[in-house]
N, C-alpha and C. Protein backbone atom coordinates (compact mmCIF):
# COMPACT_ATOMS: atom_id res chain seq x y z
N UNK A 1 0.69 -1.24 0.02
CA UNK A 1 -0.10 -0.08 0.03
C UNK A 1 0.80 1.35 -0.04
N UNK A 2 2.01 1.12 0.50
CA UNK A 2 2.91 2.21 0.59
C UNK A 2 3.30 2.68 -0.76
N UNK A 3 3.49 1.90 -1.82
CA UNK A 3 3.82 2.26 -3.14
C UNK A 3 2.68 3.12 -3.81
N UNK A 4 1.42 2.81 -3.49
CA UNK A 4 0.36 3.36 -3.97
C UNK A 4 0.46 4.87 -3.40
N UNK A 5 0.41 5.03 -2.27
CA UNK A 5 0.50 6.35 -1.53
C UNK A 5 1.71 7.17 -2.14
N UNK A 6 2.85 6.57 -2.26
CA UNK A 6 3.99 7.38 -2.75
C UNK A 6 3.59 7.75 -4.27
N UNK A 7 3.19 6.84 -5.15
CA UNK A 7 2.85 7.13 -6.43
C UNK A 7 1.70 8.39 -6.47
N UNK A 8 0.67 8.12 -5.77
CA UNK A 8 -0.43 9.00 -5.75
C UNK A 8 0.12 10.44 -5.38
N UNK A 9 0.92 10.54 -4.33
CA UNK A 9 1.54 11.72 -4.02
C UNK A 9 2.45 12.44 -4.98
N UNK A 10 3.10 11.60 -5.66
CA UNK A 10 4.03 12.04 -6.72
C UNK A 10 3.23 12.74 -7.88
N UNK A 11 2.23 12.03 -8.31
CA UNK A 11 1.31 12.47 -9.45
C UNK A 11 0.72 13.74 -8.91
N UNK A 12 0.22 13.77 -7.83
CA UNK A 12 -0.65 14.95 -7.31
C UNK A 12 0.38 16.16 -7.17
N UNK A 13 1.45 15.91 -6.80
CA UNK A 13 2.76 16.92 -6.47
C UNK A 13 2.88 17.49 -8.00
N UNK A 14 3.05 16.72 -8.84
CA UNK A 14 3.23 17.19 -10.54
C UNK A 14 2.14 17.99 -10.88
N UNK A 15 0.80 17.46 -10.62
CA UNK A 15 -0.23 18.33 -10.99
C UNK A 15 -0.31 19.64 -10.27
N UNK A 16 0.14 19.70 -9.06
CA UNK A 16 0.10 21.05 -8.25
C UNK A 16 1.14 21.79 -8.76
N UNK A 17 2.32 21.32 -9.39
CA UNK A 17 3.34 22.09 -9.83
C UNK A 17 3.05 22.83 -11.21
N UNK A 18 2.19 22.23 -11.85
CA UNK A 18 1.61 22.89 -13.27
C UNK A 18 0.59 23.79 -13.05
N UNK A 19 0.13 24.15 -11.84
CA UNK A 19 -0.96 25.10 -11.66
C UNK A 19 -0.39 26.36 -12.02
N UNK A 20 -1.20 27.30 -12.44
CA UNK A 20 -0.61 28.71 -12.77
C UNK A 20 -0.37 29.54 -11.55
N UNK A 21 -1.00 29.44 -10.45
CA UNK A 21 -0.42 30.11 -9.26
C UNK A 21 -0.13 29.24 -8.09
N UNK A 22 0.45 29.86 -7.20
CA UNK A 22 0.99 29.10 -5.99
C UNK A 22 -0.29 28.66 -5.14
N UNK A 23 -1.22 29.54 -5.10
CA UNK A 23 -2.51 29.28 -4.36
C UNK A 23 -3.22 28.03 -4.91
N UNK A 24 -3.46 28.12 -6.13
CA UNK A 24 -4.17 26.98 -6.83
C UNK A 24 -3.37 25.67 -6.76
N UNK A 25 -1.99 25.82 -6.67
CA UNK A 25 -1.18 24.55 -6.50
C UNK A 25 -1.33 24.07 -5.06
N UNK A 26 -1.41 24.93 -4.16
CA UNK A 26 -1.65 24.36 -2.86
C UNK A 26 -3.00 23.66 -2.65
N UNK A 27 -3.96 24.26 -3.26
CA UNK A 27 -5.28 23.91 -3.17
C UNK A 27 -5.36 22.51 -3.72
N UNK A 28 -4.82 22.51 -4.96
CA UNK A 28 -4.79 21.19 -5.73
C UNK A 28 -4.15 20.05 -4.98
N UNK A 29 -2.97 20.26 -4.38
CA UNK A 29 -2.36 19.30 -3.72
C UNK A 29 -2.99 18.92 -2.29
N UNK A 30 -3.79 19.85 -1.72
CA UNK A 30 -4.52 19.46 -0.55
C UNK A 30 -5.89 18.62 -0.93
N UNK A 31 -6.48 19.31 -1.82
CA UNK A 31 -7.85 18.47 -2.32
C UNK A 31 -7.80 17.44 -3.13
N UNK A 32 -6.66 17.32 -3.79
CA UNK A 32 -6.59 15.97 -4.79
C UNK A 32 -5.42 14.99 -4.09
N UNK A 33 -4.82 15.55 -3.14
CA UNK A 33 -3.58 14.63 -2.59
C UNK A 33 -3.89 14.32 -1.15
N UNK A 34 -3.67 15.24 -0.27
CA UNK A 34 -3.57 14.81 1.08
C UNK A 34 -4.80 14.51 1.84
N UNK A 35 -5.91 15.31 1.54
CA UNK A 35 -7.25 14.94 2.19
C UNK A 35 -7.82 13.65 1.77
N UNK A 36 -7.82 13.42 0.40
CA UNK A 36 -8.30 11.94 -0.04
C UNK A 36 -7.47 10.89 0.48
N UNK A 37 -6.11 11.11 0.35
CA UNK A 37 -5.13 10.04 0.68
C UNK A 37 -5.18 9.74 2.17
N UNK A 38 -5.32 10.82 2.81
CA UNK A 38 -5.35 10.62 4.38
C UNK A 38 -6.68 9.79 4.84
N UNK A 39 -7.82 9.95 4.05
CA UNK A 39 -9.03 9.13 4.34
C UNK A 39 -8.76 7.77 4.01
N UNK A 40 -8.16 7.49 2.82
CA UNK A 40 -7.84 6.28 2.32
C UNK A 40 -7.00 5.46 3.07
N UNK A 41 -5.93 5.99 3.72
CA UNK A 41 -4.89 5.39 4.40
C UNK A 41 -5.58 5.13 5.85
N UNK A 42 -6.46 5.97 6.37
CA UNK A 42 -7.32 5.69 7.57
C UNK A 42 -8.08 4.59 7.52
N UNK A 43 -8.83 4.47 6.36
CA UNK A 43 -9.72 3.34 6.29
C UNK A 43 -8.97 2.17 5.98
N UNK A 44 -7.82 2.23 5.32
CA UNK A 44 -7.00 0.99 5.00
C UNK A 44 -6.25 0.37 6.28
N UNK A 45 -6.05 1.35 7.23
CA UNK A 45 -5.46 0.91 8.41
C UNK A 45 -6.54 0.29 9.55
N UNK A 46 -7.84 0.41 9.21
CA UNK A 46 -8.83 0.04 10.11
C UNK A 46 -8.58 -1.43 10.64
N UNK A 47 -8.46 -2.42 9.83
CA UNK A 47 -8.28 -3.72 10.20
C UNK A 47 -7.14 -3.99 11.21
N UNK A 48 -6.01 -3.20 10.82
CA UNK A 48 -4.75 -3.46 11.80
C UNK A 48 -5.08 -2.78 13.18
N UNK A 49 -5.79 -1.65 13.25
CA UNK A 49 -6.23 -1.03 14.36
C UNK A 49 -7.16 -1.99 15.18
N UNK A 50 -7.97 -2.55 14.50
CA UNK A 50 -8.98 -3.60 15.14
C UNK A 50 -8.20 -4.66 15.82
N UNK A 51 -7.42 -5.28 15.08
CA UNK A 51 -6.54 -6.36 15.67
C UNK A 51 -5.76 -5.97 16.78
N UNK A 52 -5.06 -4.69 16.70
CA UNK A 52 -4.21 -4.30 17.80
C UNK A 52 -5.10 -4.16 19.11
N UNK A 53 -6.27 -3.53 18.91
CA UNK A 53 -7.16 -3.23 20.07
C UNK A 53 -7.64 -4.64 20.62
N UNK A 54 -7.94 -5.65 19.80
CA UNK A 54 -8.39 -6.81 20.25
C UNK A 54 -7.23 -7.56 20.91
N UNK A 55 -5.95 -7.46 20.62
CA UNK A 55 -4.81 -8.03 21.28
C UNK A 55 -4.72 -7.39 22.63
N UNK A 56 -4.73 -6.16 22.66
CA UNK A 56 -4.59 -5.36 23.97
C UNK A 56 -5.63 -5.69 24.93
N UNK A 57 -6.91 -5.93 24.44
CA UNK A 57 -8.05 -6.39 25.29
C UNK A 57 -7.83 -7.78 25.81
N UNK A 58 -7.32 -8.66 24.98
CA UNK A 58 -7.08 -10.10 25.34
C UNK A 58 -5.97 -10.11 26.41
N UNK A 59 -4.98 -9.32 26.10
CA UNK A 59 -3.93 -9.21 27.16
C UNK A 59 -4.27 -8.76 28.54
N UNK A 60 -5.29 -7.57 28.56
CA UNK A 60 -5.67 -7.14 29.57
C UNK A 60 -6.67 -8.07 30.43
N UNK A 61 -7.37 -8.88 29.72
CA UNK A 61 -8.20 -9.93 30.22
C UNK A 61 -7.42 -11.02 30.90
N UNK A 62 -6.35 -11.34 30.09
CA UNK A 62 -5.44 -12.26 30.87
C UNK A 62 -4.72 -11.95 32.28
N UNK A 63 -4.41 -10.62 32.11
CA UNK A 63 -3.71 -10.00 33.24
C UNK A 63 -4.91 -9.92 34.29
N UNK A 64 -6.00 -9.65 34.27
CA UNK A 64 -7.14 -9.48 35.13
C UNK A 64 -7.43 -10.77 35.83
N UNK A 65 -7.31 -11.80 35.03
CA UNK A 65 -7.64 -13.31 35.68
C UNK A 65 -6.52 -13.78 36.51
N UNK A 66 -6.84 -14.34 37.68
CA UNK A 66 -5.64 -14.84 38.51
C UNK A 66 -5.07 -16.07 37.95
N UNK A 67 -3.87 -16.28 38.25
CA UNK A 67 -3.34 -17.56 37.79
C UNK A 67 -3.69 -18.68 38.83
N UNK A 68 -4.10 -19.89 38.20
CA UNK A 68 -4.50 -21.02 38.96
C UNK A 68 -3.59 -21.49 39.90
N UNK A 69 -3.76 -21.93 41.07
CA UNK A 69 -3.09 -22.45 42.12
C UNK A 69 -2.40 -23.87 41.67
N UNK A 70 -1.13 -24.02 41.74
CA UNK A 70 -0.54 -25.27 41.39
C UNK A 70 -1.15 -26.44 42.31
N UNK A 71 -1.56 -27.49 41.62
CA UNK A 71 -2.16 -28.62 42.22
C UNK A 71 -1.11 -29.49 42.77
N UNK A 72 -1.41 -30.29 43.72
CA UNK A 72 -0.41 -31.34 44.21
C UNK A 72 -0.45 -32.32 43.09
N UNK A 73 0.87 -32.92 42.90
CA UNK A 73 1.26 -34.05 41.95
C UNK A 73 0.21 -35.21 42.35
N UNK A 74 -0.10 -35.94 41.46
CA UNK A 74 -0.84 -37.19 41.47
C UNK A 74 -0.24 -38.26 42.30
N UNK A 75 -1.00 -39.03 43.03
CA UNK A 75 -0.26 -40.03 44.04
C UNK A 75 0.33 -41.16 43.03
N UNK A 76 1.48 -41.58 43.30
CA UNK A 76 2.07 -42.76 42.56
C UNK A 76 1.37 -43.98 42.96
N UNK A 77 1.16 -44.96 42.02
CA UNK A 77 0.47 -46.23 42.40
C UNK A 77 1.58 -47.09 43.15
N UNK A 78 1.07 -47.95 43.97
CA UNK A 78 1.97 -48.78 44.79
C UNK A 78 2.31 -50.01 43.97
N UNK A 79 3.14 -50.67 44.61
CA UNK A 79 3.50 -52.05 43.91
C UNK A 79 2.28 -53.10 44.07
N UNK A 80 1.23 -52.75 44.77
CA UNK A 80 0.42 -53.84 45.00
C UNK A 80 -0.73 -53.59 44.02
N UNK A 81 -0.37 -53.91 42.77
CA UNK A 81 -1.61 -53.87 41.79
C UNK A 81 -2.00 -52.43 41.28
N UNK A 82 -1.25 -51.56 41.40
CA UNK A 82 -1.74 -50.21 40.88
C UNK A 82 -2.63 -49.42 41.78
N UNK A 83 -2.83 -50.03 43.01
CA UNK A 83 -3.78 -49.33 44.03
C UNK A 83 -3.00 -48.61 44.90
N UNK A 84 -3.56 -47.45 45.52
CA UNK A 84 -2.83 -46.71 46.48
C UNK A 84 -3.14 -47.26 47.84
N UNK A 85 -2.28 -47.55 48.79
CA UNK A 85 -2.52 -47.91 49.92
C UNK A 85 -2.68 -46.66 50.85
N UNK A 86 -3.85 -46.57 51.53
CA UNK A 86 -4.20 -45.30 52.30
C UNK A 86 -3.29 -45.33 53.52
N UNK A 87 -2.59 -46.50 54.02
CA UNK A 87 -1.75 -46.61 55.18
C UNK A 87 -0.45 -45.91 55.04
N UNK A 88 -0.17 -45.86 53.88
CA UNK A 88 1.23 -45.36 53.50
C UNK A 88 1.52 -43.90 53.70
C-alpha cells in the first residue's frame, strides 16, 4: 500500500506544480492529494487497528484473571496392583 501512496502523492505533486499560481497549486495538492489520501490510509489501516485493539483487550483480560493455584502431584501407584494404599 505504501507504493500506491507514494505514487499518488508524486502524481498530485506534479499536478500542483503545473498550476498557474501558488495558491491553486496548494489547493490542488490538498484537495486531490492529502485529504483524500488521508481518508484512504485511515480506512485501509482499520483492520490493523482492530487487531491491535483486540490483542490489547485479550492481554488485559489475561492479566485480570488470577493464575490457577498449582495442584498437588498425583499419587504414585504402589507395587500392590496399581492401587494406592491409604496407610502409606
